[in-house]
């Protein structure tokens, strides 16, 4: 009976989405990371982006993997909706960081519409509790909405890529409705 209960508990834990440790209201750690936009390198500064409005910070396991390709494509398709709300989108990964320049420019992925940043040492992922348990050294699939006052507004963790855009866009729109202009 104990083995059955343990197996059931473990299978439920692996099947359900993880929960990000940074809960709404928590301080969002500042960071600077090497990034690419449309294949061009630059340093992304979270603090600078927050001066313009909310930031959608989404962690993904690795460039050029099926779920991450889909997620990047979905964010690229929706980036104008985020911009209309005054939000900046940034993807961050610890996996395949040597491929981010190409990944940021390819039309089937980011299409040059938003930057992706390298977290080669997993420092940012650790600060945001976005470490992939099943693959050490890679980031998990966790999305945050961070408000200009450096607070976590919303966190969503799920290895399935298909709902991150809808969830974060809804959070940004709700925040914008309370903070117009």
N, C-alpha and C. Protein backbone atom coordinates (compact mmCIF):
# COMPACT_ATOMS: atom_id res chain seq x y z
N UNK A 1 0.82 -1.20 0.00
CA UNK A 1 0.00 0.00 0.00
C UNK A 1 0.86 1.26 0.00
N UNK A 2 1.94 1.26 0.83
CA UNK A 2 2.82 2.43 0.88
C UNK A 2 3.49 2.68 -0.46
N UNK A 3 3.91 1.58 -1.13
CA UNK A 3 4.56 1.73 -2.44
C UNK A 3 3.57 2.28 -3.46
N UNK A 4 2.32 1.83 -3.42
CA UNK A 4 1.30 2.33 -4.34
C UNK A 4 1.03 3.81 -4.10
N UNK A 5 0.93 4.20 -2.85
CA UNK A 5 0.71 5.61 -2.51
C UNK A 5 1.88 6.47 -2.94
N UNK A 6 3.10 5.99 -2.72
CA UNK A 6 4.29 6.72 -3.12
C UNK A 6 4.34 6.86 -4.64
N UNK A 7 4.05 5.79 -5.37
CA UNK A 7 4.04 5.84 -6.82
C UNK A 7 2.99 6.81 -7.35
N UNK A 8 1.81 6.79 -6.73
CA UNK A 8 0.74 7.70 -7.14
C UNK A 8 1.13 9.15 -6.87
N UNK A 9 1.71 9.40 -5.71
CA UNK A 9 2.14 10.75 -5.37
C UNK A 9 3.21 11.25 -6.33
N UNK A 10 4.19 10.39 -6.63
CA UNK A 10 5.26 10.76 -7.55
C UNK A 10 4.72 11.02 -8.95
N UNK A 11 3.83 10.17 -9.44
CA UNK A 11 3.29 10.37 -10.79
C UNK A 11 2.45 11.64 -10.87
N UNK A 12 1.72 11.97 -9.82
CA UNK A 12 0.95 13.22 -9.80
C UNK A 12 1.88 14.43 -9.80
N UNK A 13 2.96 14.33 -9.05
CA UNK A 13 3.90 15.45 -8.97
C UNK A 13 4.56 15.69 -10.32
N UNK A 14 4.89 14.61 -11.04
CA UNK A 14 5.52 14.78 -12.34
C UNK A 14 4.54 15.21 -13.41
N UNK A 15 3.28 14.86 -13.27
CA UNK A 15 2.27 15.19 -14.28
C UNK A 15 1.74 16.60 -14.12
N UNK A 16 1.76 17.15 -12.93
CA UNK A 16 1.18 18.47 -12.71
C UNK A 16 2.24 19.55 -12.88
N UNK A 17 1.84 20.77 -13.17
CA UNK A 17 2.80 21.83 -13.35
C UNK A 17 3.53 22.13 -12.04
N UNK A 18 4.77 22.54 -12.19
CA UNK A 18 5.54 22.96 -11.02
C UNK A 18 5.05 24.34 -10.59
N UNK A 19 5.33 24.71 -9.39
CA UNK A 19 4.95 26.02 -8.92
C UNK A 19 6.19 26.85 -8.66
N UNK A 20 6.25 28.02 -9.24
CA UNK A 20 7.41 28.89 -9.08
C UNK A 20 7.51 29.35 -7.63
N UNK A 21 8.73 29.43 -7.15
CA UNK A 21 8.94 29.82 -5.77
C UNK A 21 8.67 31.31 -5.57
N UNK A 22 8.88 32.11 -6.59
CA UNK A 22 8.65 33.55 -6.44
C UNK A 22 7.15 33.81 -6.60
N UNK A 23 6.50 33.98 -5.50
CA UNK A 23 5.05 34.19 -5.49
C UNK A 23 4.72 35.64 -5.81
N UNK A 24 3.50 35.89 -6.24
CA UNK A 24 3.08 37.28 -6.46
C UNK A 24 3.36 38.12 -5.21
N UNK A 25 3.93 39.30 -5.45
CA UNK A 25 4.30 40.20 -4.37
C UNK A 25 5.76 40.12 -3.99
N UNK A 26 6.44 39.04 -4.38
CA UNK A 26 7.86 38.88 -4.07
C UNK A 26 8.69 39.87 -4.89
N UNK A 27 9.82 40.24 -4.35
CA UNK A 27 10.75 41.11 -5.09
C UNK A 27 11.38 40.30 -6.22
N UNK A 28 11.41 40.89 -7.41
CA UNK A 28 12.01 40.24 -8.57
C UNK A 28 13.50 40.59 -8.60
N UNK A 29 14.38 39.60 -8.56
CA UNK A 29 15.81 39.89 -8.59
C UNK A 29 16.21 40.60 -9.89
N UNK A 30 17.01 41.63 -9.76
CA UNK A 30 17.51 42.33 -10.93
C UNK A 30 18.61 41.49 -11.58
N UNK A 31 18.79 41.64 -12.88
CA UNK A 31 19.87 40.94 -13.57
C UNK A 31 20.24 41.66 -14.85
N UNK A 32 21.44 41.38 -15.29
CA UNK A 32 21.94 41.79 -16.60
C UNK A 32 22.41 40.50 -17.25
N UNK A 33 22.03 40.28 -18.51
CA UNK A 33 22.40 39.04 -19.19
C UNK A 33 22.74 39.30 -20.65
N UNK A 34 23.70 38.53 -21.19
CA UNK A 34 23.97 38.64 -22.63
C UNK A 34 22.75 38.12 -23.39
N UNK A 35 22.33 38.90 -24.38
CA UNK A 35 21.10 38.57 -25.09
C UNK A 35 21.28 38.80 -26.59
N UNK A 36 20.28 38.34 -27.34
CA UNK A 36 20.24 38.53 -28.79
C UNK A 36 18.85 38.98 -29.20
N UNK A 37 18.81 39.91 -30.13
CA UNK A 37 17.57 40.35 -30.76
C UNK A 37 17.82 40.35 -32.26
N UNK A 38 17.08 39.53 -32.99
CA UNK A 38 17.26 39.40 -34.44
C UNK A 38 18.71 39.07 -34.79
N UNK A 39 19.34 38.24 -33.95
CA UNK A 39 20.71 37.80 -34.19
C UNK A 39 21.79 38.75 -33.72
N UNK A 40 21.40 39.92 -33.26
CA UNK A 40 22.39 40.92 -32.83
C UNK A 40 22.57 40.85 -31.31
N UNK A 41 23.83 40.77 -30.85
CA UNK A 41 24.08 40.67 -29.40
C UNK A 41 23.96 42.02 -28.69
N UNK A 42 23.52 41.98 -27.45
CA UNK A 42 23.48 43.15 -26.59
C UNK A 42 23.32 42.65 -25.16
N UNK A 43 23.44 43.53 -24.20
CA UNK A 43 23.20 43.17 -22.80
C UNK A 43 21.80 43.60 -22.41
N UNK A 44 21.00 42.65 -21.93
CA UNK A 44 19.66 42.96 -21.46
C UNK A 44 19.74 43.32 -19.98
N UNK A 45 19.19 44.48 -19.63
CA UNK A 45 19.15 44.96 -18.24
C UNK A 45 17.69 44.96 -17.79
N UNK A 46 17.35 44.10 -16.85
CA UNK A 46 15.97 44.06 -16.36
C UNK A 46 15.55 45.42 -15.83
N UNK A 47 16.41 46.05 -15.05
CA UNK A 47 16.07 47.35 -14.46
C UNK A 47 15.69 48.38 -15.53
N UNK A 48 16.41 48.41 -16.62
CA UNK A 48 16.11 49.36 -17.70
C UNK A 48 14.77 49.03 -18.36
N UNK A 49 14.51 47.75 -18.58
CA UNK A 49 13.24 47.35 -19.21
C UNK A 49 12.06 47.71 -18.32
N UNK A 50 12.21 47.58 -17.01
CA UNK A 50 11.10 47.89 -16.09
C UNK A 50 10.79 49.38 -16.05
N UNK A 51 11.72 50.22 -16.46
CA UNK A 51 11.45 51.66 -16.51
C UNK A 51 10.42 51.98 -17.59
N UNK A 52 10.25 51.07 -18.56
CA UNK A 52 9.32 51.28 -19.67
C UNK A 52 7.95 50.68 -19.40
N UNK A 53 7.86 49.75 -18.41
CA UNK A 53 6.60 49.07 -18.12
C UNK A 53 6.85 47.67 -17.61
N UNK A 54 5.81 46.86 -17.53
CA UNK A 54 5.98 45.50 -17.02
C UNK A 54 6.84 44.65 -17.96
N UNK A 55 7.45 43.63 -17.40
CA UNK A 55 8.29 42.72 -18.16
C UNK A 55 7.74 41.30 -18.02
N UNK A 56 7.59 40.65 -19.15
CA UNK A 56 7.25 39.22 -19.16
C UNK A 56 8.58 38.49 -19.32
N UNK A 57 9.00 37.87 -18.25
CA UNK A 57 10.24 37.12 -18.20
C UNK A 57 9.88 35.64 -18.27
N UNK A 58 10.20 35.02 -19.40
CA UNK A 58 9.86 33.60 -19.50
C UNK A 58 11.13 32.78 -19.64
N UNK A 59 11.23 31.77 -18.79
CA UNK A 59 12.34 30.84 -18.83
C UNK A 59 11.93 29.65 -19.70
N UNK A 60 12.88 29.17 -20.50
CA UNK A 60 12.62 27.99 -21.32
C UNK A 60 13.85 27.08 -21.25
N UNK A 61 13.64 25.77 -21.39
CA UNK A 61 14.76 24.83 -21.20
C UNK A 61 15.93 25.02 -22.17
N UNK A 62 15.67 25.09 -23.49
CA UNK A 62 16.80 25.18 -24.43
C UNK A 62 16.32 25.58 -25.82
N UNK A 63 17.14 26.38 -26.48
CA UNK A 63 16.86 26.76 -27.86
C UNK A 63 16.89 25.52 -28.75
N UNK A 64 16.10 25.56 -29.80
CA UNK A 64 16.04 24.50 -30.80
C UNK A 64 15.60 23.16 -30.24
N UNK A 65 14.65 23.20 -29.32
CA UNK A 65 13.98 21.98 -28.85
C UNK A 65 12.49 22.19 -29.11
N UNK A 66 11.75 21.12 -29.29
CA UNK A 66 10.38 21.25 -29.81
C UNK A 66 9.48 22.16 -28.98
N UNK A 67 9.39 21.98 -27.67
CA UNK A 67 8.53 22.82 -26.85
C UNK A 67 8.99 24.27 -26.83
N UNK A 68 10.29 24.47 -26.79
CA UNK A 68 10.82 25.84 -26.76
C UNK A 68 10.63 26.55 -28.09
N UNK A 69 10.74 25.79 -29.18
CA UNK A 69 10.47 26.37 -30.50
C UNK A 69 9.03 26.85 -30.57
N UNK A 70 8.11 26.01 -30.09
CA UNK A 70 6.69 26.38 -30.10
C UNK A 70 6.45 27.60 -29.22
N UNK A 71 7.01 27.60 -28.02
CA UNK A 71 6.78 28.71 -27.10
C UNK A 71 7.32 30.02 -27.66
N UNK A 72 8.51 29.99 -28.23
CA UNK A 72 9.08 31.20 -28.83
C UNK A 72 8.20 31.70 -29.97
N UNK A 73 7.73 30.78 -30.80
CA UNK A 73 6.86 31.15 -31.91
C UNK A 73 5.57 31.81 -31.40
N UNK A 74 4.99 31.23 -30.34
CA UNK A 74 3.75 31.79 -29.79
C UNK A 74 3.98 33.19 -29.20
N UNK A 75 5.10 33.38 -28.50
CA UNK A 75 5.42 34.71 -27.99
C UNK A 75 5.66 35.69 -29.14
N UNK A 76 6.33 35.24 -30.19
CA UNK A 76 6.57 36.12 -31.35
C UNK A 76 5.26 36.55 -31.99
N UNK A 77 4.31 35.62 -32.11
CA UNK A 77 3.01 35.95 -32.68
C UNK A 77 2.24 36.95 -31.82
N UNK A 78 2.45 36.91 -30.51
CA UNK A 78 1.69 37.76 -29.58
C UNK A 78 2.45 39.00 -29.12
N UNK A 79 3.68 39.18 -29.56
CA UNK A 79 4.51 40.26 -29.01
C UNK A 79 3.87 41.64 -29.22
N UNK A 80 3.17 41.85 -30.32
CA UNK A 80 2.53 43.15 -30.54
C UNK A 80 1.43 43.42 -29.52
N UNK A 81 0.75 42.36 -29.08
CA UNK A 81 -0.28 42.51 -28.04
C UNK A 81 0.37 42.91 -26.71
N UNK A 82 1.52 42.32 -26.41
CA UNK A 82 2.24 42.69 -25.19
C UNK A 82 2.71 44.15 -25.29
N UNK A 83 3.27 44.52 -26.43
CA UNK A 83 3.75 45.89 -26.63
C UNK A 83 2.61 46.89 -26.50
N UNK A 84 1.42 46.53 -26.99
CA UNK A 84 0.26 47.42 -26.88
C UNK A 84 -0.10 47.68 -25.42
N UNK A 85 0.27 46.78 -24.54
CA UNK A 85 0.04 46.95 -23.10
C UNK A 85 1.24 47.58 -22.40
N UNK A 86 2.27 47.94 -23.19
CA UNK A 86 3.47 48.56 -22.63
C UNK A 86 4.44 47.55 -22.03
N UNK A 87 4.30 46.27 -22.36
CA UNK A 87 5.13 45.23 -21.76
C UNK A 87 6.27 44.81 -22.69
N UNK A 88 7.37 44.45 -22.07
CA UNK A 88 8.54 43.91 -22.74
C UNK A 88 8.56 42.40 -22.52
N UNK A 89 8.87 41.64 -23.55
CA UNK A 89 9.01 40.19 -23.44
C UNK A 89 10.48 39.84 -23.55
N UNK A 90 10.96 38.96 -22.67
CA UNK A 90 12.34 38.46 -22.73
C UNK A 90 12.32 36.97 -22.38
N UNK A 91 12.94 36.16 -23.23
CA UNK A 91 13.11 34.75 -22.94
C UNK A 91 14.50 34.52 -22.38
N UNK A 92 14.63 33.64 -21.40
CA UNK A 92 15.92 33.33 -20.79
C UNK A 92 16.09 31.82 -20.71
N UNK A 93 17.28 31.36 -21.07
CA UNK A 93 17.57 29.92 -21.01
C UNK A 93 19.00 29.66 -20.58
N UNK A 94 19.19 28.49 -19.99
CA UNK A 94 20.54 28.01 -19.67
C UNK A 94 20.95 26.91 -20.65
N UNK A 95 20.03 26.45 -21.49
CA UNK A 95 20.32 25.37 -22.42
C UNK A 95 20.60 25.86 -23.82
N UNK A 96 21.60 25.28 -24.47
CA UNK A 96 21.97 25.60 -25.85
C UNK A 96 22.22 27.11 -26.04
N UNK A 97 22.87 27.73 -25.08
CA UNK A 97 23.07 29.18 -25.15
C UNK A 97 23.92 29.60 -26.35
N UNK A 98 24.72 28.68 -26.87
CA UNK A 98 25.53 29.00 -28.05
C UNK A 98 24.68 29.15 -29.31
N UNK A 99 23.42 28.77 -29.25
CA UNK A 99 22.53 28.82 -30.41
C UNK A 99 21.55 30.00 -30.36
N UNK A 100 21.65 30.85 -29.35
CA UNK A 100 20.65 31.90 -29.16
C UNK A 100 20.65 32.97 -30.25
N UNK A 101 21.81 33.29 -30.80
CA UNK A 101 21.86 34.28 -31.87
C UNK A 101 20.99 33.87 -33.04
N UNK A 102 21.18 32.66 -33.50
CA UNK A 102 20.37 32.15 -34.62
C UNK A 102 18.91 32.00 -34.20
N UNK A 103 18.68 31.45 -33.01
CA UNK A 103 17.32 31.23 -32.51
C UNK A 103 16.52 32.53 -32.48
N UNK A 104 17.17 33.62 -32.10
CA UNK A 104 16.48 34.91 -31.98
C UNK A 104 16.06 35.48 -33.32
N UNK A 105 16.73 35.06 -34.38
CA UNK A 105 16.47 35.64 -35.70
C UNK A 105 15.58 34.77 -36.58
N UNK A 106 15.53 33.49 -36.31
CA UNK A 106 14.82 32.56 -37.20
C UNK A 106 13.31 32.81 -37.17
N UNK A 107 12.73 32.82 -38.36
CA UNK A 107 11.30 33.12 -38.48
C UNK A 107 10.40 32.08 -37.82
N UNK A 108 10.83 30.86 -37.73
CA UNK A 108 10.00 29.85 -37.08
C UNK A 108 10.09 29.89 -35.56
N UNK A 109 10.94 30.77 -35.03
CA UNK A 109 11.08 30.90 -33.58
C UNK A 109 10.74 32.33 -33.16
N UNK A 110 11.73 33.10 -32.79
CA UNK A 110 11.49 34.46 -32.27
C UNK A 110 11.21 35.49 -33.36
N UNK A 111 11.62 35.21 -34.56
CA UNK A 111 11.40 36.10 -35.71
C UNK A 111 11.99 37.49 -35.50
N UNK A 112 12.96 37.62 -34.61
CA UNK A 112 13.56 38.92 -34.34
C UNK A 112 12.63 39.88 -33.63
N UNK A 113 11.54 39.38 -33.05
CA UNK A 113 10.53 40.26 -32.45
C UNK A 113 10.75 40.52 -30.96
N UNK A 114 11.51 39.69 -30.29
CA UNK A 114 11.81 39.90 -28.88
C UNK A 114 13.15 39.25 -28.58
N UNK A 115 13.82 39.71 -27.54
CA UNK A 115 15.15 39.16 -27.23
C UNK A 115 15.08 37.86 -26.44
N UNK A 116 16.16 37.10 -26.57
CA UNK A 116 16.39 35.92 -25.73
C UNK A 116 17.77 36.09 -25.10
N UNK A 117 17.87 35.69 -23.84
CA UNK A 117 19.11 35.90 -23.09
C UNK A 117 19.69 34.58 -22.60
N UNK A 118 21.00 34.57 -22.50
CA UNK A 118 21.73 33.39 -22.03
C UNK A 118 21.93 33.45 -20.53
N UNK A 119 21.68 32.33 -19.90
CA UNK A 119 21.91 32.15 -18.46
C UNK A 119 22.81 30.93 -18.29
N UNK A 120 24.00 31.01 -18.91
CA UNK A 120 24.90 29.86 -19.01
C UNK A 120 25.26 29.25 -17.66
N UNK A 121 25.38 30.06 -16.64
CA UNK A 121 25.75 29.53 -15.32
C UNK A 121 24.54 29.26 -14.43
N UNK A 122 23.34 29.44 -14.95
CA UNK A 122 22.07 29.21 -14.27
C UNK A 122 21.87 30.12 -13.05
N UNK A 123 22.60 31.22 -13.01
CA UNK A 123 22.47 32.15 -11.88
C UNK A 123 21.07 32.78 -11.84
N UNK A 124 20.59 33.25 -12.98
CA UNK A 124 19.26 33.87 -13.02
C UNK A 124 18.19 32.83 -12.72
N UNK A 125 18.33 31.67 -13.33
CA UNK A 125 17.37 30.59 -13.10
C UNK A 125 17.28 30.20 -11.63
N UNK A 126 18.40 30.20 -10.94
CA UNK A 126 18.39 29.88 -9.51
C UNK A 126 17.68 30.97 -8.72
N UNK A 127 17.95 32.25 -9.05
CA UNK A 127 17.32 33.36 -8.34
C UNK A 127 15.81 33.36 -8.52
N UNK A 128 15.36 32.88 -9.67
CA UNK A 128 13.92 32.84 -9.97
C UNK A 128 13.33 31.44 -9.77
N UNK A 129 14.09 30.57 -9.16
CA UNK A 129 13.68 29.19 -8.93
C UNK A 129 13.13 28.56 -10.20
N UNK A 130 13.92 28.65 -11.25
CA UNK A 130 13.53 28.08 -12.53
C UNK A 130 14.61 27.13 -13.02
N UNK A 131 14.91 26.13 -12.21
CA UNK A 131 15.88 25.10 -12.58
C UNK A 131 15.10 23.85 -12.99
N UNK A 132 15.48 23.25 -14.09
CA UNK A 132 14.80 22.06 -14.58
C UNK A 132 15.32 20.85 -13.81
N UNK A 133 14.49 20.28 -12.98
CA UNK A 133 14.88 19.16 -12.13
C UNK A 133 15.27 17.95 -12.97
N UNK A 134 14.52 17.71 -14.04
CA UNK A 134 14.76 16.53 -14.86
C UNK A 134 16.01 16.64 -15.72
N UNK A 135 16.55 17.84 -15.88
CA UNK A 135 17.77 18.04 -16.67
C UNK A 135 18.60 19.12 -15.99
N UNK A 136 19.45 18.72 -15.05
CA UNK A 136 20.28 19.70 -14.34
C UNK A 136 21.10 20.55 -15.30
N UNK A 137 21.21 21.84 -14.96
CA UNK A 137 21.94 22.77 -15.80
C UNK A 137 21.08 23.51 -16.81
N UNK A 138 19.81 23.12 -16.92
CA UNK A 138 18.88 23.80 -17.82
C UNK A 138 17.81 24.50 -16.99
N UNK A 139 17.21 25.51 -17.56
CA UNK A 139 16.12 26.21 -16.90
C UNK A 139 14.80 25.49 -17.16
N UNK A 140 13.89 25.69 -16.22
CA UNK A 140 12.54 25.12 -16.32
C UNK A 140 11.70 26.02 -17.21
N UNK A 141 10.48 25.64 -17.51
CA UNK A 141 9.56 26.48 -18.27
C UNK A 141 8.66 27.21 -17.28
N UNK A 142 9.09 28.40 -16.90
CA UNK A 142 8.36 29.23 -15.94
C UNK A 142 8.29 30.64 -16.50
N UNK A 143 7.11 31.23 -16.42
CA UNK A 143 6.91 32.60 -16.92
C UNK A 143 6.50 33.51 -15.77
N UNK A 144 7.08 34.69 -15.74
CA UNK A 144 6.77 35.69 -14.73
C UNK A 144 6.30 36.97 -15.42
N UNK A 145 5.41 37.69 -14.75
CA UNK A 145 5.12 39.07 -15.11
C UNK A 145 5.63 39.90 -13.95
N UNK A 146 6.52 40.83 -14.27
CA UNK A 146 7.15 41.68 -13.26
C UNK A 146 6.71 43.11 -13.50
N UNK A 147 6.26 43.77 -12.45
CA UNK A 147 5.77 45.14 -12.57
C UNK A 147 6.92 46.14 -12.41
N UNK A 148 6.71 47.38 -12.88
CA UNK A 148 7.78 48.38 -12.81
C UNK A 148 8.32 48.65 -11.41
N UNK A 149 7.59 48.28 -10.37
CA UNK A 149 8.12 48.44 -9.01
C UNK A 149 8.92 47.21 -8.56
N UNK A 150 9.33 46.39 -9.54
CA UNK A 150 10.20 45.22 -9.31
C UNK A 150 9.53 44.13 -8.47
N UNK A 151 8.23 43.99 -8.61
CA UNK A 151 7.49 42.95 -7.88
C UNK A 151 6.96 41.92 -8.87
N UNK A 152 6.92 40.68 -8.41
CA UNK A 152 6.32 39.62 -9.21
C UNK A 152 4.80 39.79 -9.13
N UNK A 153 4.19 39.99 -10.27
CA UNK A 153 2.73 40.10 -10.35
C UNK A 153 2.11 38.73 -10.55
N UNK A 154 2.78 37.91 -11.36
CA UNK A 154 2.20 36.63 -11.78
C UNK A 154 3.32 35.65 -12.08
N UNK A 155 3.10 34.40 -11.73
CA UNK A 155 4.06 33.33 -12.05
C UNK A 155 3.28 32.12 -12.54
N UNK A 156 3.80 31.50 -13.59
CA UNK A 156 3.15 30.33 -14.17
C UNK A 156 4.23 29.32 -14.58
N UNK A 157 4.15 28.12 -14.06
CA UNK A 157 5.10 27.06 -14.40
C UNK A 157 4.35 25.86 -14.97
N UNK A 158 4.78 25.45 -16.15
CA UNK A 158 4.23 24.26 -16.76
C UNK A 158 5.17 23.88 -17.90
N UNK A 159 5.60 22.63 -17.95
CA UNK A 159 6.49 22.21 -19.03
C UNK A 159 5.81 22.24 -20.39
N UNK A 160 4.50 22.21 -20.40
CA UNK A 160 3.78 22.38 -21.67
C UNK A 160 3.88 23.85 -22.07
N UNK A 161 4.23 24.09 -23.31
CA UNK A 161 4.51 25.45 -23.77
C UNK A 161 3.29 26.24 -24.20
N UNK A 162 2.17 25.59 -24.42
CA UNK A 162 1.06 26.21 -25.13
C UNK A 162 0.27 27.27 -24.36
N UNK A 163 0.35 27.34 -23.05
CA UNK A 163 -0.48 28.29 -22.31
C UNK A 163 0.27 29.48 -21.72
N UNK A 164 1.57 29.51 -21.84
CA UNK A 164 2.35 30.58 -21.21
C UNK A 164 2.00 31.95 -21.76
N UNK A 165 1.81 32.05 -23.07
CA UNK A 165 1.46 33.34 -23.67
C UNK A 165 0.10 33.82 -23.18
N UNK A 166 -0.89 32.96 -23.24
CA UNK A 166 -2.25 33.35 -22.82
C UNK A 166 -2.27 33.75 -21.34
N UNK A 167 -1.59 32.99 -20.51
CA UNK A 167 -1.59 33.27 -19.07
C UNK A 167 -0.90 34.60 -18.76
N UNK A 168 0.27 34.82 -19.35
CA UNK A 168 0.99 36.06 -19.05
C UNK A 168 0.31 37.28 -19.68
N UNK A 169 -0.24 37.11 -20.87
CA UNK A 169 -0.94 38.24 -21.52
C UNK A 169 -2.16 38.64 -20.70
N UNK A 170 -2.89 37.68 -20.18
CA UNK A 170 -4.05 38.00 -19.34
C UNK A 170 -3.61 38.76 -18.08
N UNK A 171 -2.50 38.35 -17.49
CA UNK A 171 -2.00 39.04 -16.29
C UNK A 171 -1.56 40.47 -16.62
N UNK A 172 -0.90 40.65 -17.75
CA UNK A 172 -0.46 42.00 -18.16
C UNK A 172 -1.67 42.88 -18.43
N UNK A 173 -2.67 42.35 -19.12
CA UNK A 173 -3.88 43.14 -19.41
C UNK A 173 -4.61 43.53 -18.14
N UNK A 174 -4.70 42.61 -17.18
CA UNK A 174 -5.36 42.92 -15.91
C UNK A 174 -4.60 44.01 -15.15
N UNK A 175 -3.27 43.92 -15.18
CA UNK A 175 -2.45 44.94 -14.52
C UNK A 175 -2.64 46.29 -15.22
N UNK A 176 -2.62 46.29 -16.55
CA UNK A 176 -2.75 47.53 -17.32
C UNK A 176 -4.11 48.17 -17.06
N UNK A 177 -5.16 47.39 -16.89
CA UNK A 177 -6.48 47.94 -16.62
C UNK A 177 -6.49 48.71 -15.31
N UNK A 178 -5.67 48.29 -14.38
CA UNK A 178 -5.58 48.99 -13.08
C UNK A 178 -4.55 50.12 -13.10
N UNK A 179 -3.68 50.12 -14.11
CA UNK A 179 -2.61 51.11 -14.23
C UNK A 179 -2.58 51.68 -15.63
N UNK A 180 -3.62 52.38 -16.05
CA UNK A 180 -3.65 52.89 -17.42
C UNK A 180 -2.57 53.95 -17.66
N UNK A 181 -2.16 54.01 -18.92
CA UNK A 181 -1.23 55.04 -19.35
C UNK A 181 0.11 54.86 -18.84
